[in-house]
N, C-alpha and C. Protein backbone atom coordinates (compact mmCIF):
# COMPACT_ATOMS: atom_id res chain seq x y z
N MET A 1 0.64 -1.28 0.23
CA MET A 1 -0.26 0.17 0.10
C MET A 1 0.85 1.43 -0.02
N ILE A 2 2.04 1.15 0.88
CA ILE A 2 2.87 2.52 0.70
C ILE A 2 4.41 2.07 0.58
N THR A 3 4.78 2.67 -0.14
CA THR A 3 6.49 2.07 -0.27
C THR A 3 7.34 3.30 -0.52
N ALA A 4 8.23 3.41 0.39
CA ALA A 4 9.16 4.83 0.32
C ALA A 4 10.34 4.47 0.11
N ARG A 5 11.34 4.95 -0.66
CA ARG A 5 12.78 4.78 -0.59
C ARG A 5 13.60 5.86 -0.76
N ASN A 6 14.60 5.81 0.45
CA ASN A 6 15.66 6.71 0.21
C ASN A 6 14.75 8.31 0.62
N ILE A 7 13.89 8.39 1.46
CA ILE A 7 13.30 9.61 1.66
C ILE A 7 14.10 10.78 2.49
N GLN A 8 14.44 11.66 1.74
CA GLN A 8 14.94 12.90 2.44
C GLN A 8 14.47 13.97 2.42
N LYS A 9 14.60 14.78 3.65
CA LYS A 9 13.77 16.20 3.91
C LYS A 9 15.03 17.09 4.41
N TYR A 10 15.02 18.22 3.63
CA TYR A 10 15.84 19.08 4.43
C TYR A 10 15.35 20.59 4.70
N TYR A 11 15.32 20.85 5.63
CA TYR A 11 14.75 22.57 6.00
C TYR A 11 15.94 23.12 6.24
N GLY A 12 16.31 23.73 5.24
CA GLY A 12 17.75 24.70 5.12
C GLY A 12 18.87 23.95 5.15
N SER A 13 19.60 24.16 6.00
CA SER A 13 20.71 23.21 6.33
C SER A 13 20.50 21.88 6.96
N LEU A 14 19.52 21.67 7.32
CA LEU A 14 18.99 21.35 8.93
C LEU A 14 18.43 19.64 7.94
N GLN A 15 19.03 18.34 8.18
CA GLN A 15 18.64 17.19 7.56
C GLN A 15 17.33 16.81 8.61
N VAL A 16 16.02 16.77 8.47
CA VAL A 16 15.04 16.10 9.29
C VAL A 16 14.96 14.51 9.03
N LEU A 17 15.10 14.42 7.74
CA LEU A 17 14.85 12.60 6.93
C LEU A 17 15.91 12.35 6.51
N LYS A 18 16.89 11.44 6.85
CA LYS A 18 18.17 10.92 6.33
C LYS A 18 18.20 9.65 5.74
N GLY A 19 17.05 9.38 4.70
CA GLY A 19 17.23 8.09 3.85
C GLY A 19 16.21 7.22 4.31
N VAL A 20 14.53 7.43 4.58
CA VAL A 20 13.92 6.77 5.08
C VAL A 20 13.48 5.65 4.26
N ASP A 21 13.34 4.48 4.34
CA ASP A 21 12.64 3.46 3.51
C ASP A 21 11.85 2.89 4.39
N LEU A 22 10.86 2.45 3.69
CA LEU A 22 9.50 1.82 4.46
C LEU A 22 8.62 1.17 3.34
N HIS A 23 8.05 -0.17 3.79
CA HIS A 23 7.29 -0.88 3.17
C HIS A 23 6.08 -1.11 4.25
N ILE A 24 4.75 -0.73 3.48
CA ILE A 24 3.36 -1.12 4.55
C ILE A 24 2.46 -1.75 3.74
N ASP A 25 1.89 -2.81 4.11
CA ASP A 25 1.22 -3.78 3.40
C ASP A 25 -0.47 -3.43 3.44
N LYS A 26 -0.84 -3.37 2.64
CA LYS A 26 -2.64 -3.29 2.44
C LYS A 26 -3.32 -3.69 4.00
N GLY A 27 -4.18 -3.14 4.52
CA GLY A 27 -4.73 -3.46 5.85
C GLY A 27 -3.90 -3.34 6.99
N GLU A 28 -2.60 -3.03 7.11
CA GLU A 28 -2.00 -3.08 8.20
C GLU A 28 -2.22 -2.03 9.11
N VAL A 29 -1.93 -2.15 10.31
CA VAL A 29 -1.96 -0.89 11.45
C VAL A 29 -0.78 -0.35 11.86
N VAL A 30 -0.13 0.24 11.55
CA VAL A 30 1.44 0.76 11.88
C VAL A 30 1.44 1.90 12.75
N SER A 31 2.47 1.72 13.67
CA SER A 31 2.30 3.04 14.74
C SER A 31 3.70 3.61 14.22
N VAL A 32 4.24 4.44 14.61
CA VAL A 32 5.58 5.35 14.30
C VAL A 32 5.86 6.04 15.62
N VAL A 33 6.77 5.74 16.41
CA VAL A 33 7.07 6.24 17.63
C VAL A 33 8.49 6.77 17.59
N GLY A 34 8.73 7.64 18.33
CA GLY A 34 10.18 8.23 18.71
C GLY A 34 10.19 9.66 19.39
N ALA A 35 11.03 9.97 19.98
CA ALA A 35 11.34 11.51 20.41
C ALA A 35 10.90 12.34 19.48
N SER A 36 10.26 13.31 20.44
CA SER A 36 10.25 14.69 19.69
C SER A 36 11.18 15.34 18.64
N GLY A 37 11.40 15.36 17.69
CA GLY A 37 12.31 15.91 16.90
C GLY A 37 12.64 14.88 15.97
N ALA A 38 12.49 13.78 15.93
CA ALA A 38 12.80 12.73 15.27
C ALA A 38 12.41 12.43 14.20
N GLY A 39 11.43 13.09 13.58
CA GLY A 39 11.02 13.34 11.98
C GLY A 39 9.95 12.64 11.90
N LYS A 40 9.25 12.29 12.82
CA LYS A 40 7.66 11.22 12.55
C LYS A 40 6.75 12.23 12.00
N THR A 41 6.73 13.27 12.11
CA THR A 41 5.41 14.28 11.45
C THR A 41 5.73 14.86 10.30
N THR A 42 7.13 14.84 9.84
CA THR A 42 7.74 15.03 8.47
C THR A 42 7.50 14.30 7.46
N LEU A 43 8.03 12.82 8.50
CA LEU A 43 7.46 11.74 7.60
C LEU A 43 6.33 11.50 6.82
N LEU A 44 5.23 11.69 7.93
CA LEU A 44 3.93 11.74 7.75
C LEU A 44 3.31 12.45 7.07
N GLN A 45 3.79 13.77 7.00
CA GLN A 45 3.10 14.98 5.69
C GLN A 45 4.34 14.38 4.47
N ILE A 46 5.04 13.62 4.27
CA ILE A 46 5.62 13.29 3.15
C ILE A 46 4.53 11.79 2.69
N LEU A 47 4.34 11.30 3.33
CA LEU A 47 3.64 10.22 2.76
C LEU A 47 2.25 10.40 2.55
N GLY A 48 1.57 11.32 3.42
CA GLY A 48 0.34 11.88 2.89
C GLY A 48 0.36 13.00 1.75
N THR A 49 1.72 13.34 1.23
CA THR A 49 1.70 14.66 -0.16
C THR A 49 1.36 15.81 0.14
N LEU A 50 1.50 16.09 1.84
CA LEU A 50 0.97 17.01 2.38
C LEU A 50 2.63 18.18 2.22
N ASP A 51 3.68 17.39 1.93
CA ASP A 51 4.75 18.03 1.87
C ASP A 51 5.74 16.97 0.74
N ARG A 52 6.73 17.50 0.18
CA ARG A 52 7.68 16.96 -0.79
C ARG A 52 9.15 16.32 -0.31
N GLN A 53 9.51 15.47 -0.73
CA GLN A 53 11.08 14.97 -0.18
C GLN A 53 11.68 15.92 -1.19
N SER A 54 12.59 15.94 -0.28
CA SER A 54 14.15 16.94 -0.69
C SER A 54 14.89 16.28 -1.98
N ASN A 55 14.66 15.13 -2.04
CA ASN A 55 15.40 14.57 -3.19
C ASN A 55 14.44 13.52 -4.27
N PRO A 56 13.37 14.24 -4.63
CA PRO A 56 12.36 13.24 -5.55
C PRO A 56 13.20 12.60 -6.91
N ALA A 57 14.46 13.45 -7.36
CA ALA A 57 14.77 12.30 -8.35
C ALA A 57 15.70 10.80 -7.85
N GLU A 58 15.95 11.10 -6.55
CA GLU A 58 16.82 9.98 -5.91
C GLU A 58 15.83 9.33 -4.85
N SER A 59 14.66 9.21 -5.21
CA SER A 59 14.04 8.58 -3.89
C SER A 59 12.61 7.67 -4.91
N ASP A 60 12.04 6.90 -4.24
CA ASP A 60 10.65 6.43 -4.52
C ASP A 60 9.40 6.77 -3.58
N LEU A 61 8.19 6.90 -3.99
CA LEU A 61 7.42 6.79 -2.96
C LEU A 61 6.06 6.45 -3.77
N LYS A 62 5.53 5.56 -3.74
CA LYS A 62 4.20 4.83 -3.99
C LYS A 62 3.24 4.59 -3.07
N VAL A 63 2.37 5.20 -3.32
CA VAL A 63 1.01 5.25 -2.49
C VAL A 63 0.04 4.49 -3.31
N SER A 64 -1.03 3.61 -2.80
CA SER A 64 -1.83 2.98 -3.70
C SER A 64 -1.39 2.44 -4.83
N GLY A 65 -0.13 2.15 -5.08
CA GLY A 65 0.11 2.08 -6.53
C GLY A 65 0.78 3.07 -7.35
N VAL A 66 0.51 4.38 -7.09
CA VAL A 66 0.69 5.38 -7.87
C VAL A 66 2.23 6.10 -7.32
N GLU A 67 2.79 6.39 -8.04
CA GLU A 67 4.26 6.89 -7.97
C GLU A 67 3.65 8.40 -7.89
N VAL A 68 3.62 8.86 -6.53
CA VAL A 68 3.12 10.27 -6.48
C VAL A 68 4.13 11.41 -6.51
N THR A 69 5.40 10.87 -6.67
CA THR A 69 6.49 12.13 -7.14
C THR A 69 6.27 12.77 -8.80
N GLU A 70 5.56 11.69 -9.21
CA GLU A 70 5.30 12.27 -10.80
C GLU A 70 4.57 13.03 -10.95
N LEU A 71 3.71 13.18 -10.23
CA LEU A 71 2.17 13.86 -10.39
C LEU A 71 2.25 15.58 -10.20
N GLY A 72 1.53 16.30 -10.85
CA GLY A 72 1.57 17.53 -11.03
C GLY A 72 0.91 18.00 -9.79
N ASP A 73 0.70 19.31 -9.30
CA ASP A 73 -0.03 19.91 -7.98
C ASP A 73 -1.58 19.75 -8.35
N LYS A 74 -2.22 19.56 -9.47
CA LYS A 74 -3.84 19.41 -9.40
C LYS A 74 -3.96 18.23 -9.26
N ALA A 75 -3.18 17.09 -10.00
CA ALA A 75 -3.00 15.76 -9.82
C ALA A 75 -2.89 15.20 -8.62
N LEU A 76 -2.14 15.84 -7.98
CA LEU A 76 -1.59 15.33 -6.75
C LEU A 76 -2.61 15.53 -5.47
N ALA A 77 -3.56 16.92 -5.61
CA ALA A 77 -4.51 17.31 -4.73
C ALA A 77 -5.70 16.56 -4.93
N ARG A 78 -6.06 15.85 -6.21
CA ARG A 78 -7.29 15.17 -6.66
C ARG A 78 -6.61 14.10 -5.85
N PHE A 79 -5.42 13.19 -5.91
CA PHE A 79 -5.33 12.00 -5.69
C PHE A 79 -5.25 11.95 -3.98
N ARG A 80 -4.61 13.06 -3.37
CA ARG A 80 -4.71 13.14 -1.52
C ARG A 80 -5.84 13.05 -1.45
N ASN A 81 -6.74 13.95 -1.99
CA ASN A 81 -8.46 13.93 -1.50
C ASN A 81 -9.05 12.45 -1.71
N GLU A 82 -9.02 11.61 -2.77
CA GLU A 82 -9.65 10.54 -2.93
C GLU A 82 -9.06 9.53 -2.59
N HIS A 83 -7.80 9.54 -1.89
CA HIS A 83 -6.92 8.32 -1.52
C HIS A 83 -6.50 8.12 -0.33
N ILE A 84 -6.28 9.70 0.70
CA ILE A 84 -5.40 9.74 1.44
C ILE A 84 -6.52 10.33 2.89
N GLY A 85 -6.96 9.88 3.89
CA GLY A 85 -7.41 10.41 4.81
C GLY A 85 -7.08 10.96 5.96
N PHE A 86 -6.85 11.98 6.50
CA PHE A 86 -6.12 12.24 7.45
C PHE A 86 -7.04 12.65 8.83
N ILE A 87 -6.17 12.24 9.96
CA ILE A 87 -6.72 12.63 11.11
C ILE A 87 -5.45 13.31 12.15
N PHE A 88 -5.45 14.41 12.89
CA PHE A 88 -4.53 15.08 13.26
C PHE A 88 -5.06 15.22 14.99
N GLN A 89 -4.07 15.80 15.59
CA GLN A 89 -4.05 15.91 17.02
C GLN A 89 -5.37 16.90 17.65
N PHE A 90 -5.39 17.82 16.87
CA PHE A 90 -6.41 18.84 16.80
C PHE A 90 -7.22 18.48 15.55
N HIS A 91 -8.82 18.17 15.73
CA HIS A 91 -9.44 17.91 14.92
C HIS A 91 -9.83 18.86 13.52
N GLN A 92 -9.11 19.99 13.86
CA GLN A 92 -9.57 20.94 12.81
C GLN A 92 -11.04 20.89 12.09
N LEU A 93 -12.28 20.87 12.81
CA LEU A 93 -13.65 21.00 12.54
C LEU A 93 -13.94 22.52 12.19
N LEU A 94 -14.78 22.82 11.14
CA LEU A 94 -15.12 24.26 11.11
C LEU A 94 -16.29 24.55 11.89
N PRO A 95 -15.87 25.32 12.62
CA PRO A 95 -17.21 25.52 13.95
C PRO A 95 -18.17 26.20 13.40
N GLU A 96 -18.59 26.57 12.30
CA GLU A 96 -19.73 27.19 11.86
C GLU A 96 -20.80 26.29 11.27
N PHE A 97 -19.71 24.98 11.15
CA PHE A 97 -20.64 23.66 10.16
C PHE A 97 -21.39 22.69 11.53
N THR A 98 -22.23 22.02 10.85
CA THR A 98 -22.78 20.96 11.99
C THR A 98 -21.85 19.75 11.52
N ALA A 99 -21.79 18.72 12.47
CA ALA A 99 -20.85 17.61 12.56
C ALA A 99 -21.08 16.91 10.93
N LEU A 100 -22.34 16.74 10.38
CA LEU A 100 -22.83 16.16 8.89
C LEU A 100 -22.02 16.84 8.07
N GLU A 101 -22.08 18.34 7.94
CA GLU A 101 -21.87 18.95 7.20
C GLU A 101 -19.86 19.30 6.97
N ASN A 102 -19.34 19.39 8.41
CA ASN A 102 -18.28 19.02 8.16
C ASN A 102 -17.41 17.42 7.29
N VAL A 103 -18.31 16.66 7.97
CA VAL A 103 -17.70 15.28 7.08
C VAL A 103 -18.08 15.31 5.87
N CYS A 104 -19.08 15.99 5.18
CA CYS A 104 -19.21 16.14 3.88
C CYS A 104 -18.15 16.94 2.87
N ILE A 105 -17.04 17.68 3.51
CA ILE A 105 -16.84 18.59 3.07
C ILE A 105 -15.58 18.06 1.91
N PRO A 106 -14.68 17.11 2.34
CA PRO A 106 -14.16 16.20 1.23
C PRO A 106 -15.20 15.59 0.12
N ALA A 107 -16.08 15.19 0.52
CA ALA A 107 -17.11 14.70 -0.65
C ALA A 107 -17.11 15.70 -1.56
N TYR A 108 -17.85 16.67 -1.17
CA TYR A 108 -17.83 17.80 -2.08
C TYR A 108 -16.67 18.02 -2.59
N ILE A 109 -15.72 18.49 -2.13
CA ILE A 109 -14.53 19.02 -3.05
C ILE A 109 -14.03 17.64 -4.16
N LYS A 110 -14.49 16.43 -3.98
CA LYS A 110 -14.59 15.49 -4.81
C LYS A 110 -15.20 15.82 -6.01
N LYS A 111 -16.63 16.63 -5.85
CA LYS A 111 -17.54 16.79 -6.44
C LYS A 111 -18.61 15.36 -6.38
N THR A 112 -18.97 15.04 -5.23
CA THR A 112 -19.80 14.03 -4.84
C THR A 112 -21.18 14.70 -5.28
N PRO A 113 -22.23 14.24 -5.63
CA PRO A 113 -23.40 14.85 -5.52
C PRO A 113 -24.05 14.91 -4.09
N PRO A 114 -24.66 15.98 -3.76
CA PRO A 114 -24.66 16.66 -2.34
C PRO A 114 -25.47 15.50 -1.46
N ALA A 115 -26.61 14.65 -2.22
CA ALA A 115 -27.59 13.71 -1.22
C ALA A 115 -26.62 12.54 -1.09
N GLU A 116 -25.50 12.35 -2.09
CA GLU A 116 -24.84 10.90 -1.89
C GLU A 116 -24.12 10.98 -0.77
N ALA A 117 -23.38 12.45 -0.74
CA ALA A 117 -22.38 12.49 0.36
C ALA A 117 -23.14 12.83 1.73
N GLU A 118 -24.10 13.35 1.81
CA GLU A 118 -24.88 13.48 3.09
C GLU A 118 -25.26 12.07 3.66
N LYS A 119 -25.85 11.11 2.31
CA LYS A 119 -26.22 9.56 3.04
C LYS A 119 -24.99 8.95 3.56
N ARG A 120 -24.22 8.93 2.85
CA ARG A 120 -22.75 8.57 3.44
C ARG A 120 -22.20 9.01 4.73
N ALA A 121 -22.18 10.47 4.79
CA ALA A 121 -21.58 10.70 6.15
C ALA A 121 -22.49 10.59 6.87
N ALA A 122 -24.10 10.60 6.93
CA ALA A 122 -25.19 9.88 8.07
C ALA A 122 -24.87 8.73 8.35
N GLU A 123 -24.45 7.73 7.45
CA GLU A 123 -23.72 6.55 7.65
C GLU A 123 -22.76 6.43 8.64
N LEU A 124 -21.86 7.05 8.17
CA LEU A 124 -20.05 6.85 8.99
C LEU A 124 -20.68 7.60 10.47
N LEU A 125 -21.17 8.83 10.63
CA LEU A 125 -21.53 9.08 11.62
C LEU A 125 -22.33 8.28 12.78
N GLU A 126 -23.27 7.45 12.24
CA GLU A 126 -24.25 6.28 12.66
C GLU A 126 -23.10 4.99 13.54
N PHE A 127 -22.60 4.97 12.39
CA PHE A 127 -21.01 3.71 12.62
C PHE A 127 -20.29 4.32 13.99
N LEU A 128 -20.20 5.36 13.90
CA LEU A 128 -19.02 5.93 14.89
C LEU A 128 -19.70 6.48 16.21
N GLY A 129 -21.04 6.27 16.40
CA GLY A 129 -22.03 6.25 17.29
C GLY A 129 -22.40 7.49 17.61
N LEU A 130 -22.54 8.52 16.54
CA LEU A 130 -22.87 10.03 16.74
C LEU A 130 -24.14 9.91 15.64
N GLY A 131 -24.79 9.08 15.55
CA GLY A 131 -26.19 9.17 14.74
C GLY A 131 -27.17 10.29 15.75
N GLU A 132 -26.93 10.54 16.68
CA GLU A 132 -27.76 11.39 17.60
C GLU A 132 -27.27 13.16 17.38
N ARG A 133 -25.92 13.10 16.67
CA ARG A 133 -25.26 14.22 16.80
C ARG A 133 -25.07 14.88 15.55
N LEU A 134 -25.94 14.52 14.28
CA LEU A 134 -25.66 15.10 13.07
C LEU A 134 -25.66 16.28 12.89
N HIS A 135 -26.38 17.05 13.76
CA HIS A 135 -26.71 18.38 13.31
C HIS A 135 -26.38 19.35 14.68
N HIS A 136 -25.44 18.88 15.14
CA HIS A 136 -24.76 19.33 16.21
C HIS A 136 -23.63 20.16 15.69
N LYS A 137 -22.98 21.22 16.31
CA LYS A 137 -22.32 21.97 15.57
C LYS A 137 -20.70 21.80 16.95
N PRO A 138 -19.62 21.27 16.32
CA PRO A 138 -18.41 21.51 17.37
C PRO A 138 -18.51 21.76 18.41
N SER A 139 -18.71 23.04 19.13
CA SER A 139 -19.08 23.54 20.33
C SER A 139 -20.29 22.96 21.08
N GLU A 140 -20.94 22.39 20.36
CA GLU A 140 -21.96 21.30 21.29
C GLU A 140 -21.52 19.71 21.40
N LEU A 141 -20.28 19.53 21.27
CA LEU A 141 -19.84 18.23 21.17
C LEU A 141 -18.60 18.15 22.09
N SER A 142 -18.58 16.88 22.90
CA SER A 142 -17.27 16.73 23.58
C SER A 142 -16.27 16.39 22.69
N GLY A 143 -14.82 16.54 23.48
CA GLY A 143 -13.29 16.26 22.36
C GLY A 143 -13.57 14.70 21.89
N GLY A 144 -14.07 13.86 22.60
CA GLY A 144 -14.01 12.67 21.96
C GLY A 144 -15.37 12.71 20.72
N GLU A 145 -16.11 13.26 21.17
CA GLU A 145 -16.95 13.41 20.04
C GLU A 145 -16.63 13.96 18.79
N GLN A 146 -15.98 15.14 18.92
CA GLN A 146 -15.59 15.97 17.79
C GLN A 146 -14.51 15.29 17.14
N GLN A 147 -13.66 14.41 17.54
CA GLN A 147 -12.44 13.49 16.83
C GLN A 147 -13.08 12.48 16.37
N ARG A 148 -14.27 11.95 16.67
CA ARG A 148 -14.63 11.11 15.88
C ARG A 148 -15.82 11.54 14.56
N VAL A 149 -15.75 12.85 14.59
CA VAL A 149 -16.54 13.47 13.47
C VAL A 149 -15.23 13.53 12.36
N ALA A 150 -14.07 13.85 12.98
CA ALA A 150 -12.94 13.86 12.17
C ALA A 150 -12.81 12.48 11.77
N VAL A 151 -12.75 11.69 12.49
CA VAL A 151 -12.42 10.29 11.68
C VAL A 151 -13.62 9.92 10.68
N ALA A 152 -14.50 10.43 10.88
CA ALA A 152 -15.69 10.16 9.63
C ALA A 152 -15.29 10.67 8.41
N ARG A 153 -14.58 12.15 8.76
CA ARG A 153 -14.52 12.94 7.71
C ARG A 153 -13.48 12.49 6.66
N ALA A 154 -12.41 11.72 7.54
CA ALA A 154 -11.27 11.31 6.86
C ALA A 154 -11.80 10.02 6.06
N LEU A 155 -12.75 9.26 6.47
CA LEU A 155 -13.31 8.17 5.71
C LEU A 155 -14.12 8.48 4.67
N ILE A 156 -14.75 9.50 4.55
CA ILE A 156 -15.59 9.76 3.79
C ILE A 156 -15.50 9.47 2.23
N ASN A 157 -14.24 9.68 1.67
CA ASN A 157 -14.16 9.16 0.30
C ASN A 157 -13.46 7.92 0.15
N ASN A 158 -13.92 6.89 1.22
CA ASN A 158 -13.34 5.97 1.16
C ASN A 158 -11.81 5.57 0.85
N PRO A 159 -10.84 6.64 1.49
CA PRO A 159 -9.49 6.48 0.96
C PRO A 159 -8.75 4.88 1.18
N SER A 160 -7.96 4.79 0.26
CA SER A 160 -6.97 3.54 0.79
C SER A 160 -6.22 3.61 2.00
N VAL A 161 -5.62 4.70 2.33
CA VAL A 161 -4.98 4.86 3.60
C VAL A 161 -5.32 6.03 4.56
N ILE A 162 -5.25 5.95 5.72
CA ILE A 162 -5.44 6.83 6.71
C ILE A 162 -4.24 7.12 7.50
N LEU A 163 -3.83 8.54 7.86
CA LEU A 163 -2.61 8.81 8.05
C LEU A 163 -3.32 9.46 9.64
N ALA A 164 -2.51 9.36 10.71
CA ALA A 164 -2.87 9.64 12.00
C ALA A 164 -1.62 10.42 12.39
N ASP A 165 -1.81 11.76 12.94
CA ASP A 165 -0.79 12.09 13.72
C ASP A 165 -1.16 12.61 15.46
N GLU A 166 -0.99 11.86 16.25
CA GLU A 166 -1.06 12.02 17.56
C GLU A 166 -2.78 12.28 17.88
N PRO A 167 -3.37 11.23 17.00
CA PRO A 167 -4.92 11.50 17.14
C PRO A 167 -5.51 11.58 18.36
N SER A 168 -4.80 10.62 19.52
CA SER A 168 -5.69 10.72 20.96
C SER A 168 -4.95 11.83 22.01
N GLY A 169 -3.90 12.63 21.14
CA GLY A 169 -3.00 13.43 22.11
C GLY A 169 -3.81 14.32 22.81
N ASN A 170 -5.03 14.83 22.52
CA ASN A 170 -5.41 15.82 23.01
C ASN A 170 -7.19 15.29 23.65
N LEU A 171 -6.92 14.03 23.79
CA LEU A 171 -8.18 13.39 24.77
C LEU A 171 -7.87 13.20 25.86
N ASP A 172 -8.85 12.66 26.89
CA ASP A 172 -8.64 12.12 28.07
C ASP A 172 -8.83 10.76 28.02
N SER A 173 -7.98 9.68 28.77
CA SER A 173 -7.35 8.63 28.83
C SER A 173 -8.77 7.75 28.27
N GLU A 174 -10.11 8.20 28.92
CA GLU A 174 -11.39 7.03 28.68
C GLU A 174 -11.41 7.36 26.95
N SER A 175 -11.37 8.63 26.48
CA SER A 175 -11.83 8.84 25.21
C SER A 175 -10.83 8.35 24.07
N ALA A 176 -9.56 8.37 24.43
CA ALA A 176 -8.29 7.93 23.84
C ALA A 176 -8.75 6.39 23.52
N GLU A 177 -8.76 5.53 24.53
CA GLU A 177 -9.23 4.23 24.52
C GLU A 177 -10.18 3.92 23.38
N VAL A 178 -11.18 4.74 23.66
CA VAL A 178 -12.33 4.61 22.44
C VAL A 178 -11.85 4.31 21.15
N LEU A 179 -11.43 6.04 20.83
CA LEU A 179 -10.73 6.09 19.55
C LEU A 179 -9.51 4.69 19.32
N HIS A 180 -8.48 4.77 19.91
CA HIS A 180 -7.96 3.31 19.40
C HIS A 180 -8.56 2.27 19.26
N LYS A 181 -9.27 1.73 19.97
CA LYS A 181 -10.32 0.39 19.55
C LYS A 181 -11.16 0.83 18.01
N LEU A 182 -11.18 1.79 18.26
CA LEU A 182 -11.98 2.28 16.83
C LEU A 182 -11.18 2.07 15.77
N PHE A 183 -10.08 2.53 15.59
CA PHE A 183 -9.55 2.39 14.30
C PHE A 183 -8.88 0.70 13.77
N PHE A 184 -9.03 0.03 15.03
CA PHE A 184 -8.84 -1.26 14.54
C PHE A 184 -10.48 -2.01 14.09
N ARG A 185 -11.43 -1.37 14.81
CA ARG A 185 -12.89 -1.69 14.18
C ARG A 185 -13.03 -1.30 13.01
N LEU A 186 -12.55 -0.11 12.47
CA LEU A 186 -12.49 0.36 11.26
C LEU A 186 -11.56 -0.63 10.12
N ARG A 187 -10.36 -0.86 10.59
CA ARG A 187 -9.68 -1.78 9.44
C ARG A 187 -10.35 -3.00 9.16
N GLU A 188 -10.78 -3.74 10.39
CA GLU A 188 -11.82 -5.10 10.06
C GLU A 188 -12.84 -4.41 9.19
N GLU A 189 -13.80 -3.39 9.33
CA GLU A 189 -14.97 -3.04 8.69
C GLU A 189 -14.47 -2.71 6.99
N PHE A 190 -13.70 -1.69 6.99
CA PHE A 190 -13.64 -1.35 5.96
C PHE A 190 -12.22 -1.58 4.86
N GLY A 191 -11.16 -2.46 5.69
CA GLY A 191 -10.20 -2.73 5.38
C GLY A 191 -9.05 -1.56 4.70
N GLN A 192 -9.12 -0.61 5.60
CA GLN A 192 -8.10 0.38 5.36
C GLN A 192 -6.66 0.35 6.01
N THR A 193 -5.59 0.52 5.39
CA THR A 193 -4.33 0.91 6.02
C THR A 193 -4.40 2.14 6.80
N PHE A 194 -3.55 2.02 8.12
CA PHE A 194 -3.51 2.91 9.07
C PHE A 194 -2.11 3.42 9.62
N VAL A 195 -1.45 4.27 9.32
CA VAL A 195 -0.07 4.59 9.82
C VAL A 195 -0.38 5.79 10.81
N ILE A 196 0.06 5.58 12.12
CA ILE A 196 -0.42 6.44 13.45
C ILE A 196 1.20 6.78 13.84
N VAL A 197 0.85 8.12 13.65
CA VAL A 197 2.26 8.67 14.56
C VAL A 197 1.89 9.17 16.15
N THR A 198 2.37 8.51 17.24
CA THR A 198 1.97 8.33 18.64
C THR A 198 2.90 8.71 19.45
N HIS A 199 2.65 9.12 20.66
CA HIS A 199 3.37 9.07 21.99
C HIS A 199 2.99 8.32 22.90
N ASN A 200 1.18 7.79 22.65
CA ASN A 200 0.52 6.68 23.39
C ASN A 200 1.22 5.22 23.33
N GLU A 201 1.96 4.81 24.41
CA GLU A 201 2.64 3.41 24.06
C GLU A 201 1.57 2.35 24.38
N GLU A 202 0.09 2.52 24.81
CA GLU A 202 -0.68 1.71 24.56
C GLU A 202 -1.36 1.30 22.82
N LEU A 203 -1.38 2.68 22.28
CA LEU A 203 -1.45 2.45 21.22
C LEU A 203 -0.84 1.94 20.25
N ALA A 204 0.71 2.42 20.53
CA ALA A 204 1.67 1.99 19.77
C ALA A 204 1.95 0.54 19.84
N GLU A 205 1.40 0.22 20.50
CA GLU A 205 1.72 -1.66 21.38
C GLU A 205 0.66 -2.30 20.39
N MET A 206 -0.54 -1.55 20.30
CA MET A 206 -1.77 -2.46 19.85
C MET A 206 -1.48 -2.56 18.45
N ALA A 207 -0.70 -2.09 17.54
CA ALA A 207 -0.32 -1.93 16.35
C ALA A 207 0.00 -3.52 15.54
N ASP A 208 0.09 -3.40 14.29
CA ASP A 208 0.44 -4.80 14.03
C ASP A 208 1.73 -4.60 13.74
N ARG A 209 2.48 -3.27 13.66
CA ARG A 209 4.01 -3.32 13.72
C ARG A 209 4.28 -1.72 14.22
N LYS A 210 5.37 -1.83 15.25
CA LYS A 210 5.55 -0.39 15.45
C LYS A 210 7.19 0.12 15.17
N LEU A 211 7.13 0.65 14.38
CA LEU A 211 8.23 1.50 13.76
C LEU A 211 8.71 2.36 14.96
N THR A 212 10.12 2.44 15.04
CA THR A 212 10.67 3.57 15.95
C THR A 212 11.71 4.49 15.11
N MET A 213 11.48 5.73 14.89
CA MET A 213 12.30 6.83 14.59
C MET A 213 13.33 7.70 15.55
N ILE A 214 14.38 7.48 15.12
CA ILE A 214 15.46 8.31 15.88
C ILE A 214 16.40 8.98 14.75
N ASP A 215 16.52 10.28 15.34
CA ASP A 215 17.51 11.24 14.37
C ASP A 215 17.10 11.14 12.60
N GLY A 216 15.88 11.01 12.45
CA GLY A 216 15.75 11.01 10.93
C GLY A 216 15.61 9.78 10.33
N ILE A 217 15.57 8.68 11.04
CA ILE A 217 15.92 7.26 10.16
C ILE A 217 14.97 6.12 10.97
N ILE A 218 14.27 5.36 10.38
CA ILE A 218 13.64 4.43 11.17
C ILE A 218 14.64 3.09 11.45
N VAL A 219 14.57 3.07 13.29
CA VAL A 219 15.60 1.75 13.10
C VAL A 219 15.18 0.54 13.46
N ASN A 220 13.83 0.31 12.90
CA ASN A 220 13.37 -0.99 12.99
C ASN A 220 12.25 -1.00 12.02
N GLN A 221 12.24 -2.51 11.30
CA GLN A 221 11.01 -2.52 10.42
C GLN A 221 9.96 -3.72 11.05
């Protein structure tokens, strides 16, 4: 599902990624751990095509069978919206929109007919235990509920890959446990591949594989 070879990233003279190689199979749940500054979030952003590696001519990055380094900006944005779902520590919901409307946004960008998008969004929110909260705005939802809305938004276009950056870092322990179990339930239900950057040791150990980053490289596969 994801293959990366010799991924490097510089910010000025600072080398954050030092030749990362990575292979993740379809349907795997993989955690990425390491100290702050190890390069975890930078790697996730490159895998998700939110950022580009510094050496595209000397590296390979395939996601869902597509060599993403060969895509132009418009094609890359379309690929990202249709094939990759993102979950962040801070849910980034739009406060003026309801839960249902927030979930629909990526589908609207894909030009999915509104009725179809809303039906899919309602089904996802129901699946995530939010069937009674469709028309509530983020300010009317708990932190755990807001994060589940963000999960539904990540799933709306049925992406192949879900990338999560500290998804439970802003939640209390009970809500975090619910979210962690949810990832595995989603994998069983929809077959997505999950790559999760986390400092939560419990979540890291639940994954099929735990990758450890130190100073811009992965030290175990």
